[in-house]
Amino acid sequence: MVTKVELEAALSLVSKAAGHSAWVVGGSAGLLLRGIVLDASPRDLDLYADEADARSIHQALAAYAVDRQEESTTEQYRSILSHYEIGGVSVELVGGFEVRDGRSLYKLEVREVLQPLGLKLNGSGDEAYTVVPLAHELWFNLLRSREDRLRQISEAMAAAPDCHLPAFHKIVQRNQLTADLNNSACRWAGVKQEDQR
């Protein structure tokens, strides 16, 4: 299990090493950094990047790498994966991530969507990092049927709905998501169908 202090220390090292590459924090670590109370502490730190940036980041973090970057493809997921041990924290870098569910396909776009619309946080030093938008976490957990996580995300989005709508709509516009899935996401996000644009 990883504490917030340990996560921030690892993120400081990543931020300094990664230079101008674009990346964001996601998963349970991202939720914890947002201040969302979790049932269990994160086991690792999930970083997302577009595929080209992931390759650059992997080179920058070579001293911490515990494996090589490899393509990982399953029936539901496709990504370029690599793992690191940074300051006692297990870190997973996920590049070019795609999630499928039946006829739906969600492609994570870090530079175009997740980074510009994510939550900007300052680290313990001069560095800053971005946590994925909650709308991403909603879609991701809906696609993998994680209702426990969806409840937490839904409650957090309901506290400030206007902050989360731009990312929600952008993800809908830029991905192939079925009407049924979209209706379900709207219910979880508290978005009215007439607000879809």
N, C-alpha and C. Protein backbone atom coordinates (compact mmCIF):
# COMPACT_ATOMS: atom_id res chain seq x y z
N MET A 1 0.83 -1.19 0.00
CA MET A 1 0.00 0.00 0.00
C MET A 1 0.88 1.26 0.00
N VAL A 2 0.38 2.30 -0.65
CA VAL A 2 1.19 3.51 -0.86
C VAL A 2 0.49 4.71 -0.23
N THR A 3 1.25 5.55 0.46
CA THR A 3 0.68 6.75 1.06
C THR A 3 0.74 7.93 0.09
N LYS A 4 -0.01 8.97 0.40
CA LYS A 4 0.00 10.18 -0.42
C LYS A 4 1.39 10.80 -0.46
N VAL A 5 2.09 10.79 0.67
CA VAL A 5 3.45 11.36 0.73
C VAL A 5 4.38 10.59 -0.20
N GLU A 6 4.28 9.27 -0.19
CA GLU A 6 5.13 8.44 -1.06
C GLU A 6 4.79 8.68 -2.53
N LEU A 7 3.50 8.82 -2.82
CA LEU A 7 3.09 9.10 -4.21
C LEU A 7 3.67 10.42 -4.68
N GLU A 8 3.56 11.44 -3.85
CA GLU A 8 4.06 12.77 -4.24
C GLU A 8 5.57 12.77 -4.44
N ALA A 9 6.29 12.00 -3.63
CA ALA A 9 7.75 11.91 -3.79
C ALA A 9 8.09 11.23 -5.11
N ALA A 10 7.39 10.16 -5.44
CA ALA A 10 7.63 9.48 -6.72
C ALA A 10 7.26 10.38 -7.89
N LEU A 11 6.16 11.10 -7.78
CA LEU A 11 5.73 12.01 -8.84
C LEU A 11 6.73 13.13 -9.06
N SER A 12 7.37 13.58 -8.00
CA SER A 12 8.39 14.61 -8.12
C SER A 12 9.55 14.11 -8.98
N LEU A 13 9.97 12.88 -8.76
CA LEU A 13 11.06 12.30 -9.55
C LEU A 13 10.64 12.10 -11.01
N VAL A 14 9.41 11.63 -11.22
CA VAL A 14 8.90 11.45 -12.58
C VAL A 14 8.85 12.78 -13.31
N SER A 15 8.34 13.79 -12.63
CA SER A 15 8.19 15.12 -13.24
C SER A 15 9.54 15.69 -13.66
N LYS A 16 10.54 15.52 -12.82
CA LYS A 16 11.87 16.04 -13.15
C LYS A 16 12.51 15.28 -14.30
N ALA A 17 12.27 13.97 -14.35
CA ALA A 17 12.90 13.14 -15.38
C ALA A 17 12.20 13.25 -16.73
N ALA A 18 10.89 13.41 -16.73
CA ALA A 18 10.11 13.29 -17.97
C ALA A 18 10.20 14.50 -18.88
N GLY A 19 10.71 15.61 -18.40
CA GLY A 19 10.89 16.79 -19.24
C GLY A 19 9.58 17.29 -19.83
N HIS A 20 9.53 17.48 -21.14
CA HIS A 20 8.34 18.04 -21.79
C HIS A 20 7.34 16.99 -22.24
N SER A 21 7.59 15.73 -21.91
CA SER A 21 6.63 14.68 -22.27
C SER A 21 5.33 14.89 -21.50
N ALA A 22 4.21 14.57 -22.15
CA ALA A 22 2.90 14.74 -21.52
C ALA A 22 2.48 13.43 -20.87
N TRP A 23 2.06 13.50 -19.61
CA TRP A 23 1.57 12.34 -18.88
C TRP A 23 0.61 12.80 -17.81
N VAL A 24 -0.23 11.89 -17.35
CA VAL A 24 -1.20 12.20 -16.30
C VAL A 24 -1.24 11.04 -15.31
N VAL A 25 -1.74 11.34 -14.11
CA VAL A 25 -1.91 10.33 -13.07
C VAL A 25 -3.35 9.84 -13.09
N GLY A 26 -3.53 8.53 -13.02
CA GLY A 26 -4.88 7.98 -13.00
C GLY A 26 -5.02 6.91 -11.94
N GLY A 27 -6.12 6.16 -12.02
CA GLY A 27 -6.36 5.06 -11.10
C GLY A 27 -6.60 5.50 -9.67
N SER A 28 -6.43 4.56 -8.75
CA SER A 28 -6.71 4.86 -7.35
C SER A 28 -5.77 5.92 -6.79
N ALA A 29 -4.53 5.97 -7.29
CA ALA A 29 -3.60 7.02 -6.84
C ALA A 29 -4.13 8.40 -7.21
N GLY A 30 -4.66 8.52 -8.43
CA GLY A 30 -5.23 9.80 -8.85
C GLY A 30 -6.42 10.20 -8.00
N LEU A 31 -7.26 9.24 -7.65
CA LEU A 31 -8.42 9.53 -6.80
C LEU A 31 -7.97 9.98 -5.41
N LEU A 32 -6.96 9.29 -4.88
CA LEU A 32 -6.42 9.67 -3.56
C LEU A 32 -5.86 11.08 -3.59
N LEU A 33 -5.11 11.42 -4.64
CA LEU A 33 -4.51 12.75 -4.75
C LEU A 33 -5.58 13.84 -4.89
N ARG A 34 -6.75 13.46 -5.39
CA ARG A 34 -7.88 14.39 -5.48
C ARG A 34 -8.56 14.60 -4.13
N GLY A 35 -8.23 13.74 -3.18
CA GLY A 35 -8.86 13.85 -1.87
C GLY A 35 -10.05 12.94 -1.68
N ILE A 36 -10.26 12.00 -2.61
CA ILE A 36 -11.37 11.06 -2.49
C ILE A 36 -10.96 9.95 -1.52
N VAL A 37 -11.83 9.67 -0.57
CA VAL A 37 -11.55 8.64 0.43
C VAL A 37 -11.77 7.27 -0.21
N LEU A 38 -10.75 6.43 -0.14
CA LEU A 38 -10.80 5.10 -0.75
C LEU A 38 -10.95 4.03 0.32
N ASP A 39 -11.52 2.90 -0.08
CA ASP A 39 -11.67 1.78 0.84
C ASP A 39 -10.32 1.17 1.20
N ALA A 40 -9.38 1.25 0.25
CA ALA A 40 -8.03 0.72 0.48
C ALA A 40 -7.02 1.64 -0.18
N SER A 41 -5.83 1.73 0.39
CA SER A 41 -4.77 2.57 -0.18
C SER A 41 -4.34 2.00 -1.54
N PRO A 42 -3.88 2.88 -2.45
CA PRO A 42 -3.40 2.40 -3.75
C PRO A 42 -2.23 1.43 -3.58
N ARG A 43 -2.15 0.46 -4.49
CA ARG A 43 -1.03 -0.48 -4.47
C ARG A 43 0.12 0.03 -5.33
N ASP A 44 -0.22 0.93 -6.28
CA ASP A 44 0.82 1.44 -7.17
C ASP A 44 0.40 2.79 -7.72
N LEU A 45 1.22 3.33 -8.58
CA LEU A 45 0.99 4.63 -9.21
C LEU A 45 0.82 4.40 -10.71
N ASP A 46 -0.35 4.75 -11.23
CA ASP A 46 -0.64 4.58 -12.65
C ASP A 46 -0.43 5.89 -13.39
N LEU A 47 0.42 5.85 -14.42
CA LEU A 47 0.66 7.01 -15.28
C LEU A 47 0.19 6.67 -16.68
N TYR A 48 -0.50 7.62 -17.33
CA TYR A 48 -0.96 7.43 -18.71
C TYR A 48 -0.27 8.45 -19.60
N ALA A 49 0.05 8.01 -20.81
CA ALA A 49 0.66 8.90 -21.81
C ALA A 49 0.25 8.42 -23.19
N ASP A 50 0.30 9.31 -24.16
CA ASP A 50 0.13 8.88 -25.54
C ASP A 50 1.34 8.03 -25.90
N GLU A 51 1.22 7.22 -26.93
CA GLU A 51 2.25 6.23 -27.21
C GLU A 51 3.64 6.84 -27.42
N ALA A 52 3.74 7.92 -28.21
CA ALA A 52 5.05 8.53 -28.46
C ALA A 52 5.66 9.08 -27.17
N ASP A 53 4.83 9.72 -26.35
CA ASP A 53 5.33 10.25 -25.08
C ASP A 53 5.73 9.11 -24.14
N ALA A 54 4.99 8.02 -24.17
CA ALA A 54 5.33 6.88 -23.30
C ALA A 54 6.71 6.35 -23.62
N ARG A 55 7.06 6.33 -24.89
CA ARG A 55 8.39 5.84 -25.28
C ARG A 55 9.48 6.78 -24.75
N SER A 56 9.25 8.10 -24.84
CA SER A 56 10.21 9.07 -24.32
C SER A 56 10.34 8.98 -22.80
N ILE A 57 9.21 8.84 -22.15
CA ILE A 57 9.22 8.75 -20.68
C ILE A 57 9.95 7.48 -20.23
N HIS A 58 9.74 6.40 -20.95
CA HIS A 58 10.42 5.15 -20.60
C HIS A 58 11.94 5.33 -20.65
N GLN A 59 12.42 6.01 -21.66
CA GLN A 59 13.86 6.28 -21.75
C GLN A 59 14.32 7.15 -20.59
N ALA A 60 13.50 8.16 -20.26
CA ALA A 60 13.87 9.08 -19.18
C ALA A 60 13.89 8.38 -17.82
N LEU A 61 13.07 7.34 -17.67
CA LEU A 61 12.98 6.63 -16.39
C LEU A 61 13.76 5.31 -16.41
N ALA A 62 14.65 5.16 -17.37
CA ALA A 62 15.37 3.89 -17.54
C ALA A 62 16.06 3.41 -16.27
N ALA A 63 16.57 4.34 -15.47
CA ALA A 63 17.28 3.96 -14.25
C ALA A 63 16.36 3.29 -13.23
N TYR A 64 15.06 3.51 -13.35
CA TYR A 64 14.09 2.96 -12.40
C TYR A 64 13.34 1.75 -12.97
N ALA A 65 13.56 1.43 -14.24
CA ALA A 65 12.78 0.40 -14.92
C ALA A 65 13.03 -0.99 -14.35
N VAL A 66 11.96 -1.77 -14.25
CA VAL A 66 12.08 -3.16 -13.82
C VAL A 66 11.76 -4.12 -14.97
N ASP A 67 11.36 -3.58 -16.12
CA ASP A 67 11.13 -4.41 -17.30
C ASP A 67 11.24 -3.54 -18.55
N ARG A 68 11.05 -4.17 -19.70
CA ARG A 68 11.07 -3.43 -20.96
C ARG A 68 9.66 -3.01 -21.33
N GLN A 69 9.58 -2.02 -22.19
CA GLN A 69 8.28 -1.61 -22.70
C GLN A 69 7.78 -2.64 -23.69
N GLU A 70 6.55 -3.10 -23.50
CA GLU A 70 6.00 -4.11 -24.39
C GLU A 70 4.53 -3.82 -24.66
N GLU A 71 4.10 -4.20 -25.87
CA GLU A 71 2.68 -4.06 -26.20
C GLU A 71 1.90 -5.15 -25.47
N SER A 72 0.79 -4.74 -24.88
CA SER A 72 -0.08 -5.68 -24.18
C SER A 72 -1.47 -5.59 -24.81
N THR A 73 -1.97 -6.71 -25.29
CA THR A 73 -3.28 -6.73 -25.94
C THR A 73 -4.12 -7.87 -25.40
N THR A 74 -5.32 -7.54 -24.94
CA THR A 74 -6.29 -8.54 -24.52
C THR A 74 -7.58 -8.27 -25.29
N GLU A 75 -8.61 -9.03 -24.99
CA GLU A 75 -9.89 -8.82 -25.67
C GLU A 75 -10.43 -7.42 -25.37
N GLN A 76 -10.16 -6.90 -24.18
CA GLN A 76 -10.72 -5.60 -23.77
C GLN A 76 -9.71 -4.45 -23.83
N TYR A 77 -8.42 -4.71 -23.62
CA TYR A 77 -7.44 -3.64 -23.49
C TYR A 77 -6.31 -3.75 -24.51
N ARG A 78 -5.77 -2.58 -24.86
CA ARG A 78 -4.56 -2.53 -25.66
C ARG A 78 -3.72 -1.37 -25.16
N SER A 79 -2.42 -1.61 -24.93
CA SER A 79 -1.55 -0.53 -24.45
C SER A 79 -0.10 -0.94 -24.63
N ILE A 80 0.79 0.03 -24.40
CA ILE A 80 2.22 -0.21 -24.29
C ILE A 80 2.54 -0.08 -22.80
N LEU A 81 2.98 -1.16 -22.18
CA LEU A 81 3.17 -1.19 -20.73
C LEU A 81 4.64 -1.25 -20.34
N SER A 82 4.96 -0.59 -19.24
CA SER A 82 6.28 -0.71 -18.62
C SER A 82 6.13 -0.39 -17.14
N HIS A 83 7.08 -0.90 -16.35
CA HIS A 83 6.98 -0.78 -14.89
C HIS A 83 8.29 -0.30 -14.29
N TYR A 84 8.16 0.39 -13.15
CA TYR A 84 9.30 1.04 -12.51
C TYR A 84 9.15 0.92 -11.00
N GLU A 85 10.27 1.06 -10.30
CA GLU A 85 10.29 1.15 -8.85
C GLU A 85 10.94 2.48 -8.53
N ILE A 86 10.15 3.43 -8.03
CA ILE A 86 10.63 4.79 -7.80
C ILE A 86 10.38 5.18 -6.35
N GLY A 87 11.44 5.29 -5.59
CA GLY A 87 11.31 5.68 -4.18
C GLY A 87 10.43 4.74 -3.39
N GLY A 88 10.51 3.44 -3.69
CA GLY A 88 9.70 2.46 -2.98
C GLY A 88 8.28 2.33 -3.49
N VAL A 89 7.95 3.06 -4.55
CA VAL A 89 6.60 3.02 -5.13
C VAL A 89 6.64 2.27 -6.46
N SER A 90 5.76 1.31 -6.63
CA SER A 90 5.62 0.62 -7.91
C SER A 90 4.85 1.53 -8.87
N VAL A 91 5.44 1.76 -10.03
CA VAL A 91 4.84 2.67 -11.02
C VAL A 91 4.57 1.90 -12.30
N GLU A 92 3.38 2.08 -12.85
CA GLU A 92 3.03 1.49 -14.15
C GLU A 92 2.78 2.61 -15.14
N LEU A 93 3.49 2.58 -16.25
CA LEU A 93 3.31 3.55 -17.33
C LEU A 93 2.51 2.87 -18.44
N VAL A 94 1.37 3.47 -18.79
CA VAL A 94 0.45 2.90 -19.77
C VAL A 94 0.41 3.85 -20.97
N GLY A 95 0.92 3.40 -22.10
CA GLY A 95 0.96 4.24 -23.29
C GLY A 95 -0.06 3.83 -24.32
N GLY A 96 -0.70 4.82 -24.96
CA GLY A 96 -1.65 4.55 -26.04
C GLY A 96 -2.78 3.63 -25.63
N PHE A 97 -3.33 3.85 -24.45
CA PHE A 97 -4.33 2.94 -23.87
C PHE A 97 -5.65 2.98 -24.62
N GLU A 98 -6.19 1.80 -24.92
CA GLU A 98 -7.51 1.66 -25.55
C GLU A 98 -8.32 0.64 -24.76
N VAL A 99 -9.61 0.93 -24.57
CA VAL A 99 -10.51 0.03 -23.85
C VAL A 99 -11.70 -0.28 -24.74
N ARG A 100 -11.98 -1.56 -24.92
CA ARG A 100 -13.14 -2.01 -25.72
C ARG A 100 -14.18 -2.65 -24.83
N ASP A 101 -15.43 -2.46 -25.22
CA ASP A 101 -16.54 -3.16 -24.57
C ASP A 101 -17.62 -3.33 -25.63
N GLY A 102 -17.69 -4.51 -26.20
CA GLY A 102 -18.64 -4.74 -27.29
C GLY A 102 -18.34 -3.82 -28.46
N ARG A 103 -19.31 -2.98 -28.82
CA ARG A 103 -19.14 -2.06 -29.95
C ARG A 103 -18.55 -0.71 -29.53
N SER A 104 -18.23 -0.56 -28.27
CA SER A 104 -17.64 0.70 -27.78
C SER A 104 -16.12 0.62 -27.77
N LEU A 105 -15.49 1.73 -28.11
CA LEU A 105 -14.04 1.84 -28.07
C LEU A 105 -13.67 3.20 -27.50
N TYR A 106 -12.92 3.18 -26.41
CA TYR A 106 -12.46 4.41 -25.77
C TYR A 106 -10.94 4.47 -25.87
N LYS A 107 -10.44 5.49 -26.54
CA LYS A 107 -9.00 5.70 -26.66
C LYS A 107 -8.60 6.89 -25.79
N LEU A 108 -7.68 6.65 -24.86
CA LEU A 108 -7.21 7.73 -24.01
C LEU A 108 -6.30 8.65 -24.80
N GLU A 109 -6.64 9.92 -24.82
CA GLU A 109 -5.84 10.94 -25.51
C GLU A 109 -5.31 11.90 -24.45
N VAL A 110 -4.05 11.76 -24.13
CA VAL A 110 -3.49 12.54 -23.03
C VAL A 110 -3.26 13.99 -23.43
N ARG A 111 -2.54 14.23 -24.51
CA ARG A 111 -2.23 15.61 -24.90
C ARG A 111 -3.47 16.40 -25.31
N GLU A 112 -4.41 15.75 -25.98
CA GLU A 112 -5.58 16.44 -26.53
C GLU A 112 -6.73 16.58 -25.54
N VAL A 113 -6.85 15.64 -24.60
CA VAL A 113 -8.04 15.63 -23.74
C VAL A 113 -7.69 15.59 -22.25
N LEU A 114 -7.01 14.54 -21.82
CA LEU A 114 -6.85 14.32 -20.38
C LEU A 114 -5.97 15.34 -19.69
N GLN A 115 -4.87 15.73 -20.32
CA GLN A 115 -4.01 16.72 -19.67
C GLN A 115 -4.64 18.12 -19.64
N PRO A 116 -5.16 18.63 -20.77
CA PRO A 116 -5.76 19.96 -20.72
C PRO A 116 -6.96 20.07 -19.78
N LEU A 117 -7.72 18.98 -19.64
CA LEU A 117 -8.95 19.03 -18.84
C LEU A 117 -8.81 18.38 -17.47
N GLY A 118 -7.59 17.95 -17.13
CA GLY A 118 -7.35 17.31 -15.84
C GLY A 118 -7.17 18.31 -14.72
N LEU A 119 -6.99 17.78 -13.52
CA LEU A 119 -6.78 18.60 -12.32
C LEU A 119 -5.30 18.84 -12.13
N LYS A 120 -4.89 20.11 -12.14
CA LYS A 120 -3.48 20.47 -11.96
C LYS A 120 -3.17 20.57 -10.47
N LEU A 121 -2.14 19.85 -10.06
CA LEU A 121 -1.72 19.87 -8.66
C LEU A 121 -0.25 20.20 -8.57
N ASN A 122 0.14 20.86 -7.48
CA ASN A 122 1.54 21.18 -7.24
C ASN A 122 2.15 20.12 -6.34
N GLY A 123 3.37 19.73 -6.67
CA GLY A 123 4.07 18.76 -5.86
C GLY A 123 4.71 19.41 -4.66
N SER A 124 5.58 18.68 -4.00
CA SER A 124 6.22 19.19 -2.78
C SER A 124 7.30 20.22 -3.10
N GLY A 125 7.78 20.23 -4.37
CA GLY A 125 8.78 21.22 -4.78
C GLY A 125 8.20 22.16 -5.82
N ASP A 126 9.01 22.47 -6.86
CA ASP A 126 8.55 23.36 -7.92
C ASP A 126 7.71 22.63 -8.96
N GLU A 127 7.75 21.31 -8.94
CA GLU A 127 7.09 20.55 -10.00
C GLU A 127 5.57 20.54 -9.83
N ALA A 128 4.90 20.30 -10.95
CA ALA A 128 3.44 20.17 -10.95
C ALA A 128 3.10 18.93 -11.77
N TYR A 129 1.93 18.40 -11.56
CA TYR A 129 1.47 17.25 -12.33
C TYR A 129 -0.03 17.34 -12.50
N THR A 130 -0.57 16.50 -13.37
CA THR A 130 -2.00 16.54 -13.69
C THR A 130 -2.63 15.19 -13.38
N VAL A 131 -3.77 15.24 -12.71
CA VAL A 131 -4.57 14.05 -12.45
C VAL A 131 -5.69 13.99 -13.49
N VAL A 132 -5.95 12.80 -14.02
CA VAL A 132 -6.97 12.67 -15.06
C VAL A 132 -8.30 13.27 -14.61
N PRO A 133 -9.11 13.76 -15.55
CA PRO A 133 -10.45 14.24 -15.20
C PRO A 133 -11.28 13.10 -14.60
N LEU A 134 -12.17 13.44 -13.69
CA LEU A 134 -13.05 12.42 -13.12
C LEU A 134 -13.92 11.79 -14.20
N ALA A 135 -14.22 12.53 -15.26
CA ALA A 135 -15.01 11.97 -16.36
C ALA A 135 -14.30 10.78 -16.98
N HIS A 136 -12.97 10.84 -17.07
CA HIS A 136 -12.23 9.68 -17.58
C HIS A 136 -12.42 8.49 -16.65
N GLU A 137 -12.27 8.73 -15.35
CA GLU A 137 -12.42 7.63 -14.40
C GLU A 137 -13.82 7.04 -14.47
N LEU A 138 -14.82 7.88 -14.69
CA LEU A 138 -16.19 7.39 -14.82
C LEU A 138 -16.31 6.46 -16.03
N TRP A 139 -15.85 6.93 -17.19
CA TRP A 139 -15.94 6.11 -18.40
C TRP A 139 -15.13 4.82 -18.27
N PHE A 140 -13.93 4.92 -17.76
CA PHE A 140 -13.05 3.76 -17.64
C PHE A 140 -13.68 2.71 -16.74
N ASN A 141 -14.20 3.14 -15.58
CA ASN A 141 -14.77 2.19 -14.65
C ASN A 141 -16.13 1.67 -15.10
N LEU A 142 -16.84 2.46 -15.89
CA LEU A 142 -18.09 1.97 -16.49
C LEU A 142 -17.78 0.86 -17.50
N LEU A 143 -16.75 1.07 -18.31
CA LEU A 143 -16.38 0.09 -19.32
C LEU A 143 -15.88 -1.22 -18.70
N ARG A 144 -15.35 -1.15 -17.49
CA ARG A 144 -14.88 -2.38 -16.85
C ARG A 144 -15.78 -2.82 -15.70
N SER A 145 -17.00 -2.24 -15.65
CA SER A 145 -18.05 -2.67 -14.71
C SER A 145 -17.62 -2.63 -13.25
N ARG A 146 -16.94 -1.54 -12.85
CA ARG A 146 -16.52 -1.37 -11.46
C ARG A 146 -17.52 -0.47 -10.74
N GLU A 147 -18.64 -1.03 -10.32
CA GLU A 147 -19.70 -0.23 -9.72
C GLU A 147 -19.28 0.41 -8.41
N ASP A 148 -18.43 -0.27 -7.64
CA ASP A 148 -17.95 0.31 -6.39
C ASP A 148 -17.21 1.62 -6.64
N ARG A 149 -16.35 1.62 -7.63
CA ARG A 149 -15.59 2.82 -7.97
C ARG A 149 -16.50 3.88 -8.60
N LEU A 150 -17.48 3.43 -9.39
CA LEU A 150 -18.41 4.37 -10.02
C LEU A 150 -19.19 5.18 -8.98
N ARG A 151 -19.55 4.54 -7.89
CA ARG A 151 -20.29 5.27 -6.84
C ARG A 151 -19.44 6.40 -6.27
N GLN A 152 -18.17 6.11 -5.99
CA GLN A 152 -17.27 7.13 -5.44
C GLN A 152 -17.08 8.29 -6.43
N ILE A 153 -16.88 7.95 -7.69
CA ILE A 153 -16.65 8.96 -8.72
C ILE A 153 -17.90 9.80 -8.93
N SER A 154 -19.06 9.14 -8.97
CA SER A 154 -20.33 9.84 -9.16
C SER A 154 -20.57 10.86 -8.05
N GLU A 155 -20.30 10.46 -6.81
CA GLU A 155 -20.48 11.37 -5.67
C GLU A 155 -19.54 12.57 -5.79
N ALA A 156 -18.29 12.32 -6.19
CA ALA A 156 -17.33 13.41 -6.32
C ALA A 156 -17.73 14.36 -7.45
N MET A 157 -18.23 13.83 -8.55
CA MET A 157 -18.66 14.67 -9.67
C MET A 157 -19.89 15.50 -9.28
N ALA A 158 -20.78 14.91 -8.48
CA ALA A 158 -22.02 15.61 -8.08
C ALA A 158 -21.72 16.83 -7.22
N ALA A 159 -20.56 16.83 -6.53
CA ALA A 159 -20.20 17.95 -5.67
C ALA A 159 -19.89 19.21 -6.48
N ALA A 160 -19.45 19.05 -7.73
CA ALA A 160 -19.14 20.22 -8.59
C ALA A 160 -19.35 19.81 -10.05
N PRO A 161 -20.61 19.58 -10.46
CA PRO A 161 -20.87 19.02 -11.79
C PRO A 161 -20.35 19.85 -12.95
N ASP A 162 -20.42 21.16 -12.86
CA ASP A 162 -19.98 22.01 -13.97
C ASP A 162 -18.49 21.86 -14.27
N CYS A 163 -17.70 21.50 -13.26
CA CYS A 163 -16.25 21.32 -13.47
C CYS A 163 -15.95 20.10 -14.33
N HIS A 164 -16.85 19.14 -14.29
CA HIS A 164 -16.56 17.85 -14.93
C HIS A 164 -17.24 17.67 -16.29
N LEU A 165 -18.20 18.51 -16.61
CA LEU A 165 -18.93 18.35 -17.87
C LEU A 165 -18.07 18.52 -19.12
N PRO A 166 -17.17 19.50 -19.18
CA PRO A 166 -16.36 19.64 -20.41
C PRO A 166 -15.60 18.37 -20.77
N ALA A 167 -14.97 17.73 -19.79
CA ALA A 167 -14.24 16.49 -20.07
C ALA A 167 -15.19 15.37 -20.44
N PHE A 168 -16.33 15.30 -19.77
CA PHE A 168 -17.33 14.26 -20.08
C PHE A 168 -17.76 14.38 -21.54
N HIS A 169 -18.12 15.58 -21.97
CA HIS A 169 -18.59 15.79 -23.34
C HIS A 169 -17.48 15.54 -24.36
N LYS A 170 -16.27 15.95 -24.04
CA LYS A 170 -15.15 15.78 -24.97
C LYS A 170 -14.88 14.29 -25.21
N ILE A 171 -14.94 13.51 -24.14
CA ILE A 171 -14.73 12.07 -24.28
C ILE A 171 -15.82 11.45 -25.15
N VAL A 172 -17.06 11.87 -24.96
CA VAL A 172 -18.17 11.36 -25.77
C VAL A 172 -17.95 11.71 -27.24
N GLN A 173 -17.55 12.96 -27.50
CA GLN A 173 -17.39 13.43 -28.89
C GLN A 173 -16.27 12.68 -29.62
N ARG A 174 -15.22 12.31 -28.91
CA ARG A 174 -14.02 11.81 -29.58
C ARG A 174 -13.89 10.28 -29.57
N ASN A 175 -14.92 9.59 -29.07
CA ASN A 175 -14.83 8.13 -28.97
C ASN A 175 -16.08 7.45 -29.51
N GLN A 176 -15.95 6.16 -29.74
CA GLN A 176 -17.06 5.34 -30.24
C GLN A 176 -17.72 4.67 -29.05
N LEU A 177 -18.81 5.26 -28.58
CA LEU A 177 -19.48 4.77 -27.38
C LEU A 177 -20.95 4.54 -27.71
N THR A 178 -21.47 3.37 -27.41
CA THR A 178 -22.84 3.04 -27.78
C THR A 178 -23.84 3.91 -27.02
N ALA A 179 -25.05 4.00 -27.56
CA ALA A 179 -26.10 4.79 -26.93
C ALA A 179 -26.43 4.25 -25.53
N ASP A 180 -26.48 2.93 -25.38
CA ASP A 180 -26.78 2.35 -24.07
C ASP A 180 -25.70 2.71 -23.05
N LEU A 181 -24.46 2.62 -23.45
CA LEU A 181 -23.36 2.96 -22.56
C LEU A 181 -23.39 4.45 -22.23
N ASN A 182 -23.66 5.25 -23.24
CA ASN A 182 -23.73 6.69 -23.04
C ASN A 182 -24.86 7.05 -22.06
N ASN A 183 -26.00 6.39 -22.19
CA ASN A 183 -27.12 6.64 -21.27
C ASN A 183 -26.74 6.27 -19.85
N SER A 184 -26.04 5.16 -19.71
CA SER A 184 -25.60 4.73 -18.38
C SER A 184 -24.60 5.73 -17.79
N ALA A 185 -23.66 6.19 -18.61
CA ALA A 185 -22.67 7.17 -18.14
C ALA A 185 -23.37 8.47 -17.72
N CYS A 186 -24.35 8.88 -18.49
CA CYS A 186 -25.09 10.11 -18.14
C CYS A 186 -25.78 9.96 -16.78
N ARG A 187 -26.36 8.80 -16.53
CA ARG A 187 -27.02 8.57 -15.23
C ARG A 187 -26.01 8.67 -14.09
N TRP A 188 -24.85 8.00 -14.26
CA TRP A 188 -23.83 8.04 -13.22
C TRP A 188 -23.29 9.45 -13.02
N ALA A 189 -23.12 10.18 -14.12
CA ALA A 189 -22.53 11.53 -14.05
C ALA A 189 -23.54 12.60 -13.69
N GLY A 190 -24.83 12.26 -13.69
CA GLY A 190 -25.87 13.25 -13.44
C GLY A 190 -26.03 14.23 -14.58
N VAL A 191 -25.76 13.76 -15.80
CA VAL A 191 -25.88 14.59 -17.00
C VAL A 191 -27.22 14.32 -17.65
N LYS A 192 -27.97 15.38 -17.94
CA LYS A 192 -29.25 15.22 -18.63
C LYS A 192 -28.98 14.99 -20.12
N GLN A 193 -29.81 14.17 -20.75
CA GLN A 193 -29.64 13.86 -22.16
C GLN A 193 -29.66 15.13 -23.01
N GLU A 194 -30.48 16.10 -22.63
CA GLU A 194 -30.55 17.34 -23.44
C GLU A 194 -29.28 18.18 -23.31
N ASP A 195 -28.46 17.88 -22.28
CA ASP A 195 -27.20 18.61 -22.13
C ASP A 195 -26.10 18.06 -23.03
N GLN A 196 -26.35 16.89 -23.63
CA GLN A 196 -25.34 16.32 -24.53
C GLN A 196 -25.18 17.21 -25.74
N ARG A 197 -23.92 17.44 -26.12
CA ARG A 197 -23.68 18.28 -27.28
C ARG A 197 -22.56 17.73 -28.11
